[in-house]
Amino acid sequence: MFDGIRYDYEGANVLVTGGSNGIGHAIACAYHSAGASVTITGRKASADVYETDLSGFAYRQLDITDKADIRALGSQLTALDILINNAGGHQYVQESEWHPDGFDAAFDVNLSGMFHLCDACLPALKASVFAGGASIVGISSSSAFAGYPPAPGYSAAKAAMVQLVQSYAVQWGPLGIRANAIAPGFIVTNLTRLYLDNSQAMIDGTALGRLGTPEDIAAAVLFVTSPAASWITGQTLSVDGGFTVKK
C-alpha cells in the first residue's frame, strides 16, 4: 500500500473503531493489505449499508458512547493484538461544543469511549503474542496542541488522550502492551473535503505545502504498532506536514 515499504502483519488480529470511512478505513485497509485479520466498527446496523467497500473486514456495530455495547464487543473478542481507537469527531449539540451538552458529548465520544474500550479489550490484549508486543493507539489531533475555538471539547479530549496513552504505557507496559497516539494535521476526507480542498491558508500553514491524506496517517499507525517500534511507548507522533512546528 505504501511505495517502497512493506509490513508483514500475517496472523495479527486488529480492531479499528470507526473504520468505515476516512482515516479509519485507510488504517483498516493498510492492515488488511499487510495480511492482518481486521475487524472494524461503525454505527450502522451492517457493513452493506455503507457506500464504502467493507467486504475485506469483519464488521461490528458499536456506539462508542454505550458502555454495554463496548463490554459486549470486548467479551466477543477471542484474540486481539492491536486496538486502534479512531472513532470520534466534533460534536455539535444545540449551539456547539461551547454549549455544556456539546462539550460533554465531545469527551464521551473522543476520550471516555477509548478508555472503556481499552478496558474491555485488556484480557485479549494481555494474551497477545504478537512480535514487538500488543499495541493500543489513539488517534489524537494537532488541535490538541493549539487553541481551536470551533471545537473546545474535541480539542481538550484529544489533548487528554495524549496523557492517557502515557498512563497506559506505564500501567500496561509490564503486561507487554504498548500505547501510543498519532496526532493528524489537516487531512482531506469525504467529511472535510468541502472546507479543506480549497483552503490555501491551511496548505500554507504546513511546512511541506500540502494537506494530508488518510494514507499518511495509516502509514504512521502501522509503524508504531510494528516490531520495528517495539521500544516505543507512551509517545504521540504528530503527522501534520510540519503544521505544529511552522510559525
C-alpha atoms as a PDB file:
ATOM      1  CA  MET A   1       0.000   0.000   0.000  1.00  0.00           C
ATOM      2  CA  PHE A   2       2.952   2.305   0.636  1.00  0.00           C
ATOM      3  CA  ASP A   3       5.556   2.819  -2.078  1.00  0.00           C
ATOM      4  CA  GLY A   4       8.843   1.170  -1.140  1.00  0.00           C
ATOM      5  CA  ILE A   5       7.658  -0.054   2.261  1.00  0.00           C
ATOM      6  CA  ARG A   6       6.203  -3.422   3.221  1.00  0.00           C
ATOM      7  CA  TYR A   7       4.787  -4.636   6.502  1.00  0.00           C
ATOM      8  CA  ASP A   8       4.047  -8.212   7.476  1.00  0.00           C
ATOM      9  CA  TYR A   9       1.055  -8.461   9.793  1.00  0.00           C
ATOM     10  CA  GLU A  10       0.170 -12.024   8.859  1.00  0.00           C
ATOM     11  CA  GLY A  11      -1.592 -13.651  11.797  1.00  0.00           C
ATOM     12  CA  ALA A  12      -2.262 -10.373  13.635  1.00  0.00           C
ATOM     13  CA  ASN A  13      -5.757  -9.504  14.847  1.00  0.00           C
ATOM     14  CA  VAL A  14      -6.627  -5.822  14.599  1.00  0.00           C
ATOM     15  CA  LEU A  15      -9.652  -3.818  15.745  1.00  0.00           C
ATOM     16  CA  VAL A  16     -10.232  -0.363  14.224  1.00  0.00           C
ATOM     17  CA  THR A  17     -13.096   1.718  15.572  1.00  0.00           C
ATOM     18  CA  GLY A  18     -14.806   3.986  13.063  1.00  0.00           C
ATOM     19  CA  GLY A  19     -13.280   2.009  10.207  1.00  0.00           C
ATOM     20  CA  SER A  20     -15.991   2.559   7.617  1.00  0.00           C
ATOM     21  CA  ASN A  21     -14.526   5.686   6.028  1.00  0.00           C
ATOM     22  CA  GLY A  22     -11.809   8.322   6.177  1.00  0.00           C
ATOM     23  CA  ILE A  23      -8.756   7.755   8.351  1.00  0.00           C
ATOM     24  CA  GLY A  24     -10.186   4.643   9.993  1.00  0.00           C
ATOM     25  CA  HIS A  25     -10.887   2.992   6.648  1.00  0.00           C
ATOM     26  CA  ALA A  26      -7.377   3.765   5.375  1.00  0.00           C
ATOM     27  CA  ILE A  27      -5.897   2.217   8.527  1.00  0.00           C
ATOM     28  CA  ALA A  28      -8.069  -0.884   8.188  1.00  0.00           C
ATOM     29  CA  CYS A  29      -7.140  -1.258   4.505  1.00  0.00           C
ATOM     30  CA  ALA A  30      -3.439  -0.924   5.289  1.00  0.00           C
ATOM     31  CA  TYR A  31      -3.547  -3.669   7.910  1.00  0.00           C
ATOM     32  CA  HIS A  32      -5.604  -5.893   5.614  1.00  0.00           C
ATOM     33  CA  SER A  33      -3.106  -5.384   2.785  1.00  0.00           C
ATOM     34  CA  ALA A  34      -0.333  -6.373   5.195  1.00  0.00           C
ATOM     35  CA  GLY A  35      -2.039  -9.684   5.989  1.00  0.00           C
ATOM     36  CA  ALA A  36      -3.869  -8.920   9.237  1.00  0.00           C
ATOM     37  CA  SER A  37      -7.351 -10.062  10.179  1.00  0.00           C
ATOM     38  CA  VAL A  38      -9.197  -6.782  10.637  1.00  0.00           C
ATOM     39  CA  THR A  39     -12.431  -6.004  12.465  1.00  0.00           C
ATOM     40  CA  ILE A  40     -13.954  -2.557  12.101  1.00  0.00           C
ATOM     41  CA  THR A  41     -16.769  -0.872  13.963  1.00  0.00           C
ATOM     42  CA  GLY A  42     -19.409   1.577  12.823  1.00  0.00           C
ATOM     43  CA  ARG A  43     -22.713   2.985  13.974  1.00  0.00           C
ATOM     44  CA  LYS A  44     -24.856   1.424  11.249  1.00  0.00           C
ATOM     45  CA  ALA A  45     -26.513  -1.973  11.521  1.00  0.00           C
ATOM     46  CA  SER A  46     -24.407  -3.781   8.923  1.00  0.00           C
ATOM     47  CA  ALA A  47     -21.443  -3.297   6.607  1.00  0.00           C
ATOM     48  CA  ASP A  48     -23.519  -3.444   3.419  1.00  0.00           C
ATOM     49  CA  VAL A  49     -25.316  -0.219   4.351  1.00  0.00           C
ATOM     50  CA  TYR A  50     -22.152   1.805   3.688  1.00  0.00           C
ATOM     51  CA  GLU A  51     -21.118   3.064   0.256  1.00  0.00           C
ATOM     52  CA  THR A  52     -17.522   2.078   1.031  1.00  0.00           C
ATOM     53  CA  ASP A  53     -16.475  -1.490   0.193  1.00  0.00           C
ATOM     54  CA  LEU A  54     -16.021  -3.170   3.570  1.00  0.00           C
ATOM     55  CA  SER A  55     -16.026  -6.760   2.321  1.00  0.00           C
ATOM     56  CA  GLY A  56     -12.462  -7.415   3.472  1.00  0.00           C
ATOM     57  CA  PHE A  57     -13.274  -6.820   7.136  1.00  0.00           C
ATOM     58  CA  ALA A  58     -15.336  -8.299   9.924  1.00  0.00           C
ATOM     59  CA  TYR A  59     -17.895  -5.695  10.995  1.00  0.00           C
ATOM     60  CA  ARG A  60     -19.347  -4.917  14.424  1.00  0.00           C
ATOM     61  CA  GLN A  61     -21.966  -2.292  15.119  1.00  0.00           C
ATOM     62  CA  LEU A  62     -20.817  -0.119  18.011  1.00  0.00           C
ATOM     63  CA  ASP A  63     -21.945   3.043  19.748  1.00  0.00           C
ATOM     64  CA  ILE A  64     -18.675   4.229  21.264  1.00  0.00           C
ATOM     65  CA  THR A  65     -20.611   6.080  23.989  1.00  0.00           C
ATOM     66  CA  ASP A  66     -22.564   2.987  25.072  1.00  0.00           C
ATOM     67  CA  LYS A  67     -20.730   1.093  27.827  1.00  0.00           C
ATOM     68  CA  ALA A  68     -22.889  -2.015  27.411  1.00  0.00           C
ATOM     69  CA  ASP A  69     -22.089  -2.108  23.688  1.00  0.00           C
ATOM     70  CA  ILE A  70     -18.397  -1.756  24.465  1.00  0.00           C
ATOM     71  CA  ARG A  71     -18.393  -4.523  27.085  1.00  0.00           C
ATOM     72  CA  ALA A  72     -20.259  -6.825  24.720  1.00  0.00           C
ATOM     73  CA  LEU A  73     -17.706  -6.254  21.973  1.00  0.00           C
ATOM     74  CA  GLY A  74     -14.813  -6.883  24.343  1.00  0.00           C
ATOM     75  CA  SER A  75     -16.331 -10.126  25.570  1.00  0.00           C
ATOM     76  CA  GLN A  76     -16.733 -11.390  22.000  1.00  0.00           C
ATOM     77  CA  LEU A  77     -13.065 -10.977  21.109  1.00  0.00           C
ATOM     78  CA  THR A  78     -11.235 -14.283  21.078  1.00  0.00           C
ATOM     79  CA  ALA A  79      -7.923 -12.699  20.037  1.00  0.00           C
ATOM     80  CA  LEU A  80      -6.612  -9.158  19.730  1.00  0.00           C
ATOM     81  CA  ASP A  81      -3.134  -7.817  19.097  1.00  0.00           C
ATOM     82  CA  ILE A  82      -3.760  -4.217  18.039  1.00  0.00           C
ATOM     83  CA  LEU A  83      -6.518  -1.802  19.049  1.00  0.00           C
ATOM     84  CA  ILE A  84      -6.878   1.413  17.045  1.00  0.00           C
ATOM     85  CA  ASN A  85      -9.092   3.978  18.788  1.00  0.00           C
ATOM     86  CA  ASN A  86     -10.129   6.025  15.787  1.00  0.00           C
ATOM     87  CA  ALA A  87     -13.851   6.667  16.332  1.00  0.00           C
ATOM     88  CA  GLY A  88     -14.529  10.265  17.270  1.00  0.00           C
ATOM     89  CA  GLY A  89     -15.135  13.706  15.875  1.00  0.00           C
ATOM     90  CA  HIS A  90     -16.577  17.120  16.554  1.00  0.00           C
ATOM     91  CA  GLN A  91     -19.856  17.113  18.465  1.00  0.00           C
ATOM     92  CA  TYR A  92     -22.470  19.758  17.797  1.00  0.00           C
ATOM     93  CA  VAL A  93     -25.300  19.568  20.290  1.00  0.00           C
ATOM     94  CA  GLN A  94     -27.644  22.554  20.314  1.00  0.00           C
ATOM     95  CA  GLU A  95     -25.382  25.558  19.729  1.00  0.00           C
ATOM     96  CA  SER A  96     -21.902  23.995  19.554  1.00  0.00           C
ATOM     97  CA  GLU A  97     -19.232  22.434  21.739  1.00  0.00           C
ATOM     98  CA  TRP A  98     -19.282  25.684  23.680  1.00  0.00           C
ATOM     99  CA  HIS A  99     -22.679  24.519  24.932  1.00  0.00           C
ATOM    100  CA  PRO A 100     -22.291  22.284  28.015  1.00  0.00           C
ATOM    101  CA  ASP A 101     -24.056  19.354  26.317  1.00  0.00           C
ATOM    102  CA  GLY A 102     -21.832  19.615  23.263  1.00  0.00           C
ATOM    103  CA  PHE A 103     -18.709  19.780  25.400  1.00  0.00           C
ATOM    104  CA  ASP A 104     -19.719  16.706  27.412  1.00  0.00           C
ATOM    105  CA  ALA A 105     -20.605  14.783  24.249  1.00  0.00           C
ATOM    106  CA  ALA A 106     -17.168  15.531  22.798  1.00  0.00           C
ATOM    107  CA  PHE A 107     -15.469  13.909  25.801  1.00  0.00           C
ATOM    108  CA  ASP A 108     -17.803  10.903  25.700  1.00  0.00           C
ATOM    109  CA  VAL A 109     -17.006  10.204  22.048  1.00  0.00           C
ATOM    110  CA  ASN A 110     -13.346  11.180  21.868  1.00  0.00           C
ATOM    111  CA  LEU A 111     -11.950  10.113  25.244  1.00  0.00           C
ATOM    112  CA  SER A 112     -14.269   8.124  27.513  1.00  0.00           C
ATOM    113  CA  GLY A 113     -15.108   5.696  24.713  1.00  0.00           C
ATOM    114  CA  MET A 114     -11.423   4.938  24.273  1.00  0.00           C
ATOM    115  CA  PHE A 115     -10.942   4.321  27.991  1.00  0.00           C
ATOM    116  CA  HIS A 116     -13.868   1.922  28.263  1.00  0.00           C
ATOM    117  CA  LEU A 117     -12.934   0.052  25.083  1.00  0.00           C
ATOM    118  CA  CYS A 118      -9.315  -0.390  26.169  1.00  0.00           C
ATOM    119  CA  ASP A 119     -10.559  -1.740  29.487  1.00  0.00           C
ATOM    120  CA  ALA A 120     -12.927  -4.169  27.754  1.00  0.00           C
ATOM    121  CA  CYS A 121     -10.164  -5.363  25.420  1.00  0.00           C
ATOM    122  CA  LEU A 122      -7.489  -5.774  28.089  1.00  0.00           C
ATOM    123  CA  PRO A 123      -7.882  -9.550  28.579  1.00  0.00           C
ATOM    124  CA  ALA A 124      -7.437 -10.190  24.851  1.00  0.00           C
ATOM    125  CA  LEU A 125      -4.502  -7.787  24.589  1.00  0.00           C
ATOM    126  CA  LYS A 126      -2.748  -9.407  27.553  1.00  0.00           C
ATOM    127  CA  ALA A 127      -2.973 -12.759  25.805  1.00  0.00           C
ATOM    128  CA  SER A 128      -1.323 -11.455  22.625  1.00  0.00           C
ATOM    129  CA  VAL A 129       1.948 -12.995  21.492  1.00  0.00           C
ATOM    130  CA  PHE A 130       2.453 -10.552  18.615  1.00  0.00           C
ATOM    131  CA  ALA A 131       6.112  -9.727  17.900  1.00  0.00           C
ATOM    132  CA  GLY A 132       7.011  -6.402  19.487  1.00  0.00           C
ATOM    133  CA  GLY A 133       4.089  -6.558  21.899  1.00  0.00           C
ATOM    134  CA  ALA A 134       0.399  -5.801  21.708  1.00  0.00           C
ATOM    135  CA  SER A 135      -0.499  -2.177  20.989  1.00  0.00           C
ATOM    136  CA  ILE A 136      -3.191   0.349  21.593  1.00  0.00           C
ATOM    137  CA  VAL A 137      -3.197   3.525  19.502  1.00  0.00           C
ATOM    138  CA  GLY A 138      -5.264   6.654  19.987  1.00  0.00           C
ATOM    139  CA  ILE A 139      -5.966   8.938  17.033  1.00  0.00           C
ATOM    140  CA  SER A 140      -5.493  12.371  18.576  1.00  0.00           C
ATOM    141  CA  SER A 141      -5.261  15.670  16.643  1.00  0.00           C
ATOM    142  CA  SER A 142      -2.979  18.622  16.025  1.00  0.00           C
ATOM    143  CA  SER A 143      -5.693  20.678  17.747  1.00  0.00           C
ATOM    144  CA  ALA A 144      -4.531  19.029  20.997  1.00  0.00           C
ATOM    145  CA  PHE A 145      -1.531  21.374  20.901  1.00  0.00           C
ATOM    146  CA  ALA A 146      -3.167  24.693  19.983  1.00  0.00           C
ATOM    147  CA  GLY A 147      -6.289  26.679  20.696  1.00  0.00           C
ATOM    148  CA  TYR A 148      -9.130  25.617  18.414  1.00  0.00           C
ATOM    149  CA  PRO A 149     -12.237  27.731  19.104  1.00  0.00           C
ATOM    150  CA  PRO A 150     -14.634  25.798  16.795  1.00  0.00           C
ATOM    151  CA  ALA A 151     -14.348  22.668  18.942  1.00  0.00           C
ATOM    152  CA  PRO A 152     -13.142  23.234  22.519  1.00  0.00           C
ATOM    153  CA  GLY A 153     -14.433  19.869  23.754  1.00  0.00           C
ATOM    154  CA  TYR A 154     -12.908  17.886  20.898  1.00  0.00           C
ATOM    155  CA  SER A 155      -9.553  19.627  21.309  1.00  0.00           C
ATOM    156  CA  ALA A 156      -9.462  19.151  25.060  1.00  0.00           C
ATOM    157  CA  ALA A 157     -10.401  15.480  24.726  1.00  0.00           C
ATOM    158  CA  LYS A 158      -7.669  14.917  22.135  1.00  0.00           C
ATOM    159  CA  ALA A 159      -5.164  16.628  24.431  1.00  0.00           C
ATOM    160  CA  ALA A 160      -6.261  14.381  27.291  1.00  0.00           C
ATOM    161  CA  MET A 161      -5.722  11.373  25.013  1.00  0.00           C
ATOM    162  CA  VAL A 162      -2.043  12.344  24.781  1.00  0.00           C
ATOM    163  CA  GLN A 163      -1.764  11.979  28.544  1.00  0.00           C
ATOM    164  CA  LEU A 164      -3.931   8.862  28.647  1.00  0.00           C
ATOM    165  CA  VAL A 165      -1.579   6.888  26.400  1.00  0.00           C
ATOM    166  CA  GLN A 166       1.276   7.861  28.716  1.00  0.00           C
ATOM    167  CA  SER A 167      -0.616   6.395  31.656  1.00  0.00           C
ATOM    168  CA  TYR A 168      -1.425   3.241  29.699  1.00  0.00           C
ATOM    169  CA  ALA A 169       2.228   2.917  28.726  1.00  0.00           C
ATOM    170  CA  VAL A 170       3.327   2.915  32.359  1.00  0.00           C
ATOM    171  CA  GLN A 171       0.443   0.842  33.718  1.00  0.00           C
ATOM    172  CA  TRP A 172       0.294  -1.794  30.977  1.00  0.00           C
ATOM    173  CA  GLY A 173       3.939  -1.892  29.884  1.00  0.00           C
ATOM    174  CA  PRO A 174       4.701  -4.727  32.323  1.00  0.00           C
ATOM    175  CA  LEU A 175       1.903  -6.691  30.617  1.00  0.00           C
ATOM    176  CA  GLY A 176       3.662  -6.392  27.272  1.00  0.00           C
ATOM    177  CA  ILE A 177       1.227  -3.792  25.899  1.00  0.00           C
ATOM    178  CA  ARG A 178       2.489  -0.625  24.250  1.00  0.00           C
ATOM    179  CA  ALA A 179       0.403   2.560  23.985  1.00  0.00           C
ATOM    180  CA  ASN A 180       0.944   5.444  21.587  1.00  0.00           C
ATOM    181  CA  ALA A 181      -1.027   8.148  19.820  1.00  0.00           C
ATOM    182  CA  ILE A 182      -0.974   9.709  16.381  1.00  0.00           C
ATOM    183  CA  ALA A 183      -1.879  13.394  16.041  1.00  0.00           C
ATOM    184  CA  PRO A 184      -3.039  14.114  12.477  1.00  0.00           C
ATOM    185  CA  GLY A 185      -2.988  17.578  10.988  1.00  0.00           C
ATOM    186  CA  PHE A 186      -5.334  18.713   8.204  1.00  0.00           C
ATOM    187  CA  ILE A 187      -6.463  15.501   6.476  1.00  0.00           C
ATOM    188  CA  VAL A 188      -8.668  15.508   3.383  1.00  0.00           C
ATOM    189  CA  THR A 189     -11.536  13.024   3.776  1.00  0.00           C
ATOM    190  CA  ASN A 190     -15.102  12.897   2.497  1.00  0.00           C
ATOM    191  CA  LEU A 191     -16.181  14.802   5.600  1.00  0.00           C
ATOM    192  CA  THR A 192     -13.517  17.529   5.417  1.00  0.00           C
ATOM    193  CA  ARG A 193     -13.155  17.868   1.650  1.00  0.00           C
ATOM    194  CA  LEU A 194     -15.598  20.758   1.288  1.00  0.00           C
ATOM    195  CA  TYR A 195     -13.660  23.105   3.552  1.00  0.00           C
ATOM    196  CA  LEU A 196     -10.130  21.742   3.142  1.00  0.00           C
ATOM    197  CA  ASP A 197      -9.696  21.216  -0.605  1.00  0.00           C
ATOM    198  CA  ASN A 198      -9.608  24.898  -1.432  1.00  0.00           C
ATOM    199  CA  SER A 199      -8.064  26.245   1.738  1.00  0.00           C
ATOM    200  CA  GLN A 200      -4.796  27.815   0.671  1.00  0.00           C
ATOM    201  CA  ALA A 201      -4.323  29.185   4.179  1.00  0.00           C
ATOM    202  CA  MET A 202      -4.282  25.655   5.605  1.00  0.00           C
ATOM    203  CA  ILE A 203      -1.900  24.469   2.891  1.00  0.00           C
ATOM    204  CA  ASP A 204       0.397  27.421   3.578  1.00  0.00           C
ATOM    205  CA  GLY A 205       0.272  26.567   7.274  1.00  0.00           C
ATOM    206  CA  THR A 206       2.165  23.322   6.699  1.00  0.00           C
ATOM    207  CA  ALA A 207       5.916  23.121   6.266  1.00  0.00           C
ATOM    208  CA  LEU A 208       5.549  20.648   3.384  1.00  0.00           C
ATOM    209  CA  GLY A 209       2.997  22.717   1.478  1.00  0.00           C
ATOM    210  CA  ARG A 210       0.240  20.144   1.163  1.00  0.00           C
ATOM    211  CA  LEU A 211      -2.694  18.721   3.057  1.00  0.00           C
ATOM    212  CA  GLY A 212      -2.566  15.189   4.379  1.00  0.00           C
ATOM    213  CA  THR A 213      -4.309  12.039   3.227  1.00  0.00           C
ATOM    214  CA  PRO A 214      -5.781   9.202   5.289  1.00  0.00           C
ATOM    215  CA  GLU A 215      -2.969   7.024   3.965  1.00  0.00           C
ATOM    216  CA  ASP A 216      -0.409   9.357   5.567  1.00  0.00           C
ATOM    217  CA  ILE A 217      -1.933   8.516   8.937  1.00  0.00           C
ATOM    218  CA  ALA A 218      -2.248   4.815   8.184  1.00  0.00           C
ATOM    219  CA  ALA A 219       1.473   4.637   7.395  1.00  0.00           C
ATOM    220  CA  ALA A 220       2.356   6.101  10.788  1.00  0.00           C
ATOM    221  CA  VAL A 221      -0.057   3.802  12.619  1.00  0.00           C
ATOM    222  CA  LEU A 222       1.388   0.660  11.030  1.00  0.00           C
ATOM    223  CA  PHE A 223       4.877   1.772  12.017  1.00  0.00           C
ATOM    224  CA  VAL A 224       4.129   2.385  15.702  1.00  0.00           C
ATOM    225  CA  THR A 225       2.400  -0.986  16.105  1.00  0.00           C
ATOM    226  CA  SER A 226       5.100  -2.912  14.220  1.00  0.00           C
ATOM    227  CA  PRO A 227       8.024  -4.832  15.740  1.00  0.00           C
ATOM    228  CA  ALA A 228      10.245  -2.026  14.379  1.00  0.00           C
ATOM    229  CA  ALA A 229       8.731   0.195  17.100  1.00  0.00           C
ATOM    230  CA  SER A 230       8.935  -2.363  19.892  1.00  0.00           C
ATOM    231  CA  TRP A 231      10.735   0.068  22.234  1.00  0.00           C
ATOM    232  CA  ILE A 232       8.391   2.992  21.579  1.00  0.00           C
ATOM    233  CA  THR A 233       5.561   3.545  24.039  1.00  0.00           C
ATOM    234  CA  GLY A 234       3.800   6.465  25.699  1.00  0.00           C
ATOM    235  CA  GLN A 235       4.521   8.734  22.730  1.00  0.00           C
ATOM    236  CA  THR A 236       2.418  10.941  20.481  1.00  0.00           C
ATOM    237  CA  LEU A 237       3.617  11.274  16.907  1.00  0.00           C
ATOM    238  CA  SER A 238       2.469  14.385  15.057  1.00  0.00           C
ATOM    239  CA  VAL A 239       1.718  13.585  11.427  1.00  0.00           C
ATOM    240  CA  ASP A 240       0.804  17.010  10.151  1.00  0.00           C
ATOM    241  CA  GLY A 241       3.224  18.062   7.409  1.00  0.00           C
ATOM    242  CA  GLY A 242       5.000  20.324   9.894  1.00  0.00           C
ATOM    243  CA  PHE A 243       1.907  22.286  10.907  1.00  0.00           C
ATOM    244  CA  THR A 244       2.715  22.272  14.622  1.00  0.00           C
ATOM    245  CA  VAL A 245       6.287  23.485  14.099  1.00  0.00           C
ATOM    246  CA  LYS A 246       5.728  26.176  11.486  1.00  0.00           C
ATOM    247  CA  LYS A 247       5.400  29.640  12.967  1.00  0.00           C
END
